[in-house]
C-alpha atoms as a PDB file:
ATOM      1  CA  MET A   1     -28.002  20.553 -53.022  1.00  0.00           C
ATOM      2  CA  THR A   2     -27.475  18.287 -50.047  1.00  0.00           C
ATOM      3  CA  LEU A   3     -29.513  15.736 -48.136  1.00  0.00           C
ATOM      4  CA  ALA A   4     -30.350  18.556 -45.693  1.00  0.00           C
ATOM      5  CA  ASP A   5     -31.899  20.484 -48.618  1.00  0.00           C
ATOM      6  CA  THR A   6     -33.919  17.394 -49.538  1.00  0.00           C
ATOM      7  CA  ILE A   7     -35.157  17.098 -45.966  1.00  0.00           C
ATOM      8  CA  ALA A   8     -36.137  20.794 -46.006  1.00  0.00           C
ATOM      9  CA  LEU A   9     -38.014  20.260 -49.297  1.00  0.00           C
ATOM     10  CA  LEU A  10     -39.981  17.402 -47.746  1.00  0.00           C
ATOM     11  CA  ARG A  11     -40.634  19.395 -44.555  1.00  0.00           C
ATOM     12  CA  ARG A  12     -42.193  22.159 -46.697  1.00  0.00           C
ATOM     13  CA  TYR A  13     -44.423  19.519 -48.278  1.00  0.00           C
ATOM     14  CA  GLU A  14     -45.748  18.260 -44.917  1.00  0.00           C
ATOM     15  CA  ILE A  15     -48.487  20.898 -44.777  1.00  0.00           C
ATOM     16  CA  ARG A  16     -49.726  19.996 -48.297  1.00  0.00           C
ATOM     17  CA  ALA A  17     -49.639  16.192 -48.055  1.00  0.00           C
ATOM     18  CA  GLU A  18     -53.060  14.539 -48.147  1.00  0.00           C
ATOM     19  CA  ALA A  19     -54.246  13.666 -44.652  1.00  0.00           C
ATOM     20  CA  GLY A  20     -54.309   9.975 -43.866  1.00  0.00           C
ATOM     21  CA  HIS A  21     -52.239   7.528 -45.876  1.00  0.00           C
ATOM     22  CA  GLU A  22     -49.950   9.988 -47.681  1.00  0.00           C
ATOM     23  CA  ALA A  23     -49.207  12.003 -44.528  1.00  0.00           C
ATOM     24  CA  ALA A  24     -48.449   8.775 -42.638  1.00  0.00           C
ATOM     25  CA  MET A  25     -46.063   7.648 -45.390  1.00  0.00           C
ATOM     26  CA  LEU A  26     -44.308  11.018 -45.428  1.00  0.00           C
ATOM     27  CA  ALA A  27     -43.801  10.839 -41.661  1.00  0.00           C
ATOM     28  CA  GLU A  28     -41.737   7.675 -42.255  1.00  0.00           C
ATOM     29  CA  TYR A  29     -39.307   9.493 -44.583  1.00  0.00           C
ATOM     30  CA  PHE A  30     -37.693  11.601 -41.864  1.00  0.00           C
ATOM     31  CA  PRO A  31     -36.520   8.860 -39.464  1.00  0.00           C
ATOM     32  CA  PHE A  32     -35.417   6.797 -42.472  1.00  0.00           C
ATOM     33  CA  MET A  33     -33.253   9.636 -43.832  1.00  0.00           C
ATOM     34  CA  ALA A  34     -31.832  10.317 -40.357  1.00  0.00           C
ATOM     35  CA  ALA A  35     -30.872   6.657 -39.941  1.00  0.00           C
ATOM     36  CA  HIS A  36     -29.574   6.292 -43.525  1.00  0.00           C
ATOM     37  CA  PRO A  37     -27.482   9.295 -44.609  1.00  0.00           C
ATOM     38  CA  ASP A  38     -26.647   7.266 -47.744  1.00  0.00           C
ATOM     39  CA  CYS A  39     -30.348   7.113 -48.768  1.00  0.00           C
ATOM     40  CA  LEU A  40     -29.711   8.940 -52.054  1.00  0.00           C
ATOM     41  CA  GLY A  41     -27.872   5.923 -53.460  1.00  0.00           C
ATOM     42  CA  ARG A  42     -28.845   2.410 -54.458  1.00  0.00           C
ATOM     43  CA  THR A  43     -26.134   1.070 -52.160  1.00  0.00           C
ATOM     44  CA  CYS A  44     -28.446   1.793 -49.214  1.00  0.00           C
ATOM     45  CA  LEU A  45     -29.886  -1.718 -49.143  1.00  0.00           C
ATOM     46  CA  ASP A  46     -32.757  -1.026 -46.728  1.00  0.00           C
ATOM     47  CA  GLY A  47     -34.164   1.429 -49.255  1.00  0.00           C
ATOM     48  CA  HIS A  48     -33.494   4.727 -50.935  1.00  0.00           C
ATOM     49  CA  LEU A  49     -35.073   7.904 -52.198  1.00  0.00           C
ATOM     50  CA  THR A  50     -36.377   7.842 -55.745  1.00  0.00           C
ATOM     51  CA  ALA A  51     -37.777  10.641 -57.913  1.00  0.00           C
ATOM     52  CA  SER A  52     -40.779  10.429 -60.196  1.00  0.00           C
ATOM     53  CA  ALA A  53     -42.209  12.629 -62.917  1.00  0.00           C
ATOM     54  CA  TRP A  54     -45.987  12.887 -63.080  1.00  0.00           C
ATOM     55  CA  ILE A  55     -46.065  14.189 -66.649  1.00  0.00           C
ATOM     56  CA  VAL A  56     -49.219  15.950 -67.826  1.00  0.00           C
ATOM     57  CA  ASP A  57     -50.267  17.918 -70.888  1.00  0.00           C
ATOM     58  CA  ALA A  58     -50.759  21.693 -70.578  1.00  0.00           C
ATOM     59  CA  ALA A  59     -54.530  21.276 -70.074  1.00  0.00           C
ATOM     60  CA  ARG A  60     -53.807  18.651 -67.411  1.00  0.00           C
ATOM     61  CA  THR A  61     -56.308  16.219 -68.893  1.00  0.00           C
ATOM     62  CA  ARG A  62     -53.779  13.543 -69.880  1.00  0.00           C
ATOM     63  CA  THR A  63     -50.729  11.962 -68.304  1.00  0.00           C
ATOM     64  CA  LEU A  64     -47.821  10.038 -69.782  1.00  0.00           C
ATOM     65  CA  LEU A  65     -47.484   6.536 -68.322  1.00  0.00           C
ATOM     66  CA  THR A  66     -44.885   3.844 -68.855  1.00  0.00           C
ATOM     67  CA  HIS A  67     -45.566   0.126 -68.944  1.00  0.00           C
ATOM     68  CA  HIS A  68     -42.653  -0.720 -66.651  1.00  0.00           C
ATOM     69  CA  ARG A  69     -40.679  -3.692 -67.976  1.00  0.00           C
ATOM     70  CA  LYS A  70     -39.505  -5.185 -64.651  1.00  0.00           C
ATOM     71  CA  LEU A  71     -42.665  -4.534 -62.630  1.00  0.00           C
ATOM     72  CA  ASP A  72     -45.061  -5.206 -65.552  1.00  0.00           C
ATOM     73  CA  ARG A  73     -47.358  -2.368 -64.468  1.00  0.00           C
ATOM     74  CA  TRP A  74     -48.400   0.997 -65.855  1.00  0.00           C
ATOM     75  CA  LEU A  75     -46.735   3.697 -63.736  1.00  0.00           C
ATOM     76  CA  GLN A  76     -45.498   7.270 -63.792  1.00  0.00           C
ATOM     77  CA  LEU A  77     -41.951   7.731 -65.087  1.00  0.00           C
ATOM     78  CA  GLY A  78     -39.049   7.996 -62.659  1.00  0.00           C
ATOM     79  CA  GLY A  79     -36.391   6.066 -60.856  1.00  0.00           C
ATOM     80  CA  HIS A  80     -33.243   6.094 -58.782  1.00  0.00           C
ATOM     81  CA  VAL A  81     -31.656   9.448 -57.982  1.00  0.00           C
ATOM     82  CA  ASP A  82     -28.133   7.978 -58.089  1.00  0.00           C
ATOM     83  CA  GLY A  83     -26.769  10.302 -55.413  1.00  0.00           C
ATOM     84  CA  GLU A  84     -28.457  13.445 -56.766  1.00  0.00           C
ATOM     85  CA  ALA A  85     -29.895  15.499 -53.874  1.00  0.00           C
ATOM     86  CA  ASP A  86     -31.806  17.775 -56.273  1.00  0.00           C
ATOM     87  CA  LEU A  87     -34.782  15.452 -56.612  1.00  0.00           C
ATOM     88  CA  ALA A  88     -36.616  17.653 -59.133  1.00  0.00           C
ATOM     89  CA  LEU A  89     -33.546  17.512 -61.372  1.00  0.00           C
ATOM     90  CA  ALA A  90     -33.404  13.727 -60.944  1.00  0.00           C
ATOM     91  CA  ALA A  91     -37.103  13.442 -61.861  1.00  0.00           C
ATOM     92  CA  MET A  92     -36.535  15.530 -65.004  1.00  0.00           C
ATOM     93  CA  ARG A  93     -33.506  13.411 -65.940  1.00  0.00           C
ATOM     94  CA  GLU A  94     -35.442  10.172 -65.481  1.00  0.00           C
ATOM     95  CA  ALA A  95     -38.368  11.527 -67.500  1.00  0.00           C
ATOM     96  CA  GLN A  96     -36.090  12.483 -70.398  1.00  0.00           C
ATOM     97  CA  GLU A  97     -34.236   9.159 -70.322  1.00  0.00           C
ATOM     98  CA  GLU A  98     -37.421   7.079 -70.185  1.00  0.00           C
ATOM     99  CA  SER A  99     -39.511   9.040 -72.708  1.00  0.00           C
ATOM    100  CA  GLY A 100     -37.129  10.765 -75.098  1.00  0.00           C
ATOM    101  CA  LEU A 101     -39.009  14.022 -74.458  1.00  0.00           C
ATOM    102  CA  ALA A 102     -36.695  17.020 -74.689  1.00  0.00           C
ATOM    103  CA  ARG A 103     -39.115  19.871 -73.944  1.00  0.00           C
ATOM    104  CA  LEU A 104     -40.222  19.043 -70.410  1.00  0.00           C
ATOM    105  CA  ARG A 105     -41.287  21.856 -68.065  1.00  0.00           C
ATOM    106  CA  LEU A 106     -41.147  21.519 -64.294  1.00  0.00           C
ATOM    107  CA  ALA A 107     -44.500  22.939 -63.124  1.00  0.00           C
ATOM    108  CA  SER A 108     -43.058  23.631 -59.666  1.00  0.00           C
ATOM    109  CA  PRO A 109     -39.799  22.849 -57.872  1.00  0.00           C
ATOM    110  CA  GLU A 110     -41.923  21.828 -54.873  1.00  0.00           C
ATOM    111  CA  VAL A 111     -43.032  18.253 -54.181  1.00  0.00           C
ATOM    112  CA  PHE A 112     -46.335  17.203 -55.792  1.00  0.00           C
ATOM    113  CA  ASP A 113     -46.740  13.829 -54.047  1.00  0.00           C
ATOM    114  CA  VAL A 114     -44.870  11.126 -52.138  1.00  0.00           C
ATOM    115  CA  ASP A 115     -45.263   7.370 -52.024  1.00  0.00           C
ATOM    116  CA  ARG A 116     -43.409   4.686 -50.085  1.00  0.00           C
ATOM    117  CA  HIS A 117     -43.546   1.171 -51.524  1.00  0.00           C
ATOM    118  CA  ARG A 118     -41.739  -2.170 -51.305  1.00  0.00           C
ATOM    119  CA  ILE A 119     -39.677  -3.360 -54.224  1.00  0.00           C
ATOM    120  CA  PRO A 120     -39.389  -7.147 -54.488  1.00  0.00           C
ATOM    121  CA  ALA A 121     -36.026  -8.894 -54.378  1.00  0.00           C
ATOM    122  CA  ARG A 122     -34.511  -9.315 -57.837  1.00  0.00           C
ATOM    123  CA  GLY A 123     -31.256 -11.142 -58.483  1.00  0.00           C
ATOM    124  CA  ALA A 124     -28.654 -10.067 -55.927  1.00  0.00           C
ATOM    125  CA  GLU A 125     -30.741  -7.056 -54.877  1.00  0.00           C
ATOM    126  CA  PRO A 126     -32.761  -7.705 -51.699  1.00  0.00           C
ATOM    127  CA  GLU A 127     -36.320  -6.560 -51.130  1.00  0.00           C
ATOM    128  CA  HIS A 128     -36.192  -2.888 -50.131  1.00  0.00           C
ATOM    129  CA  TRP A 129     -38.179   0.335 -49.791  1.00  0.00           C
ATOM    130  CA  HIS A 130     -38.508   3.093 -52.350  1.00  0.00           C
ATOM    131  CA  PHE A 131     -39.249   6.460 -50.774  1.00  0.00           C
ATOM    132  CA  ASP A 132     -40.564   8.145 -53.903  1.00  0.00           C
ATOM    133  CA  VAL A 133     -40.747  11.930 -54.269  1.00  0.00           C
ATOM    134  CA  ARG A 134     -42.916  13.048 -57.173  1.00  0.00           C
ATOM    135  CA  PHE A 135     -42.906  16.248 -59.195  1.00  0.00           C
ATOM    136  CA  LEU A 136     -45.484  17.689 -61.584  1.00  0.00           C
ATOM    137  CA  ILE A 137     -44.020  18.125 -65.061  1.00  0.00           C
ATOM    138  CA  GLU A 138     -45.686  19.363 -68.238  1.00  0.00           C
ATOM    139  CA  ALA A 139     -44.984  18.097 -71.753  1.00  0.00           C
ATOM    140  CA  ASP A 140     -46.483  18.340 -75.225  1.00  0.00           C
ATOM    141  CA  PRO A 141     -48.203  15.106 -76.337  1.00  0.00           C
ATOM    142  CA  ALA A 142     -47.332  15.995 -79.952  1.00  0.00           C
ATOM    143  CA  GLU A 143     -43.624  15.601 -79.199  1.00  0.00           C
ATOM    144  CA  PRO A 144     -42.402  12.162 -80.368  1.00  0.00           C
ATOM    145  CA  LEU A 145     -41.800   9.530 -77.700  1.00  0.00           C
ATOM    146  CA  GLN A 146     -38.873   7.149 -77.538  1.00  0.00           C
ATOM    147  CA  ILE A 147     -39.403   3.954 -75.543  1.00  0.00           C
ATOM    148  CA  SER A 148     -36.387   3.100 -73.404  1.00  0.00           C
ATOM    149  CA  SER A 149     -35.158  -0.350 -72.421  1.00  0.00           C
ATOM    150  CA  GLU A 150     -36.907   0.129 -69.048  1.00  0.00           C
ATOM    151  CA  SER A 151     -40.351   0.215 -70.670  1.00  0.00           C
ATOM    152  CA  LYS A 152     -42.570  -2.085 -72.662  1.00  0.00           C
ATOM    153  CA  ASP A 153     -44.580   0.903 -73.864  1.00  0.00           C
ATOM    154  CA  LEU A 154     -45.387   4.567 -73.276  1.00  0.00           C
ATOM    155  CA  ALA A 155     -48.845   6.083 -73.628  1.00  0.00           C
ATOM    156  CA  TRP A 156     -50.624   9.365 -73.110  1.00  0.00           C
ATOM    157  CA  VAL A 157     -53.682   8.445 -71.057  1.00  0.00           C
ATOM    158  CA  ARG A 158     -56.745  10.532 -70.206  1.00  0.00           C
ATOM    159  CA  LEU A 159     -56.899  11.054 -66.445  1.00  0.00           C
ATOM    160  CA  GLU A 160     -60.262   9.294 -66.224  1.00  0.00           C
ATOM    161  CA  ASP A 161     -58.701   6.188 -67.845  1.00  0.00           C
ATOM    162  CA  VAL A 162     -55.677   5.843 -65.532  1.00  0.00           C
ATOM    163  CA  ALA A 163     -57.528   3.560 -63.078  1.00  0.00           C
ATOM    164  CA  ARG A 164     -58.294   1.140 -65.919  1.00  0.00           C
ATOM    165  CA  LEU A 165     -54.547   0.618 -66.464  1.00  0.00           C
ATOM    166  CA  ASN A 166     -53.540   0.801 -62.797  1.00  0.00           C
ATOM    167  CA  PRO A 167     -56.174   0.952 -60.038  1.00  0.00           C
ATOM    168  CA  GLU A 168     -53.658   1.516 -57.206  1.00  0.00           C
ATOM    169  CA  GLU A 169     -54.342   4.348 -54.747  1.00  0.00           C
ATOM    170  CA  SER A 170     -50.901   5.767 -55.517  1.00  0.00           C
ATOM    171  CA  LEU A 171     -51.926   6.718 -59.064  1.00  0.00           C
ATOM    172  CA  ALA A 172     -55.496   7.592 -58.055  1.00  0.00           C
ATOM    173  CA  ARG A 173     -54.059  10.169 -55.645  1.00  0.00           C
ATOM    174  CA  LEU A 174     -51.949  11.691 -58.451  1.00  0.00           C
ATOM    175  CA  VAL A 175     -55.058  11.928 -60.644  1.00  0.00           C
ATOM    176  CA  ARG A 176     -57.074  13.596 -57.840  1.00  0.00           C
ATOM    177  CA  LYS A 177     -54.323  16.128 -57.221  1.00  0.00           C
ATOM    178  CA  THR A 178     -54.027  16.894 -60.931  1.00  0.00           C
ATOM    179  CA  GLU A 179     -57.768  17.446 -61.240  1.00  0.00           C
ATOM    180  CA  ARG A 180     -57.631  19.877 -58.293  1.00  0.00           C
ATOM    181  CA  HIS A 181     -54.735  21.791 -59.907  1.00  0.00           C
ATOM    182  CA  THR A 182     -56.059  21.965 -63.473  1.00  0.00           C
ATOM    183  CA  PRO A 183     -55.802  25.489 -64.880  1.00  0.00           C
ATOM    184  CA  PRO A 184     -59.133  27.100 -65.962  1.00  0.00           C
END
């Protein structure tokens, strides 16, 4: 895959993005990628694309969250794509690295959600944007978890309890979308 494939993936998502805030964020991705052809790597100091895994159980009533060590917040798993243009593959890789789960299933190769957010300066790394592309992934909560060095903890959380751990609209939107796409 190439950056052009990534752009095409995001263009396909435009018609499904939630109107309002999410659609406005997504609209910012395209000029950013055009101005920064190196946006798949961390060396793009203005910001870069990241890939996240919104991991749910088969019934889609629970999600796996990480208590992120650096940000000290409960979030979905994911991270830097490190040059990988196949963002779904990068999301799966990050999910496996951060959870130890080996039997992950990509629910769809299409984008599930996007979110653009500022990352504070840390050490020699300046403040920058993360243009996050999120994929819906299924896993079995019975499979043992392995907490990575990037996390303080991992927990399967009922969707209705996510806001208690993190009330941000970014996660609330993921919960809403999951509830709309729950199988009967």
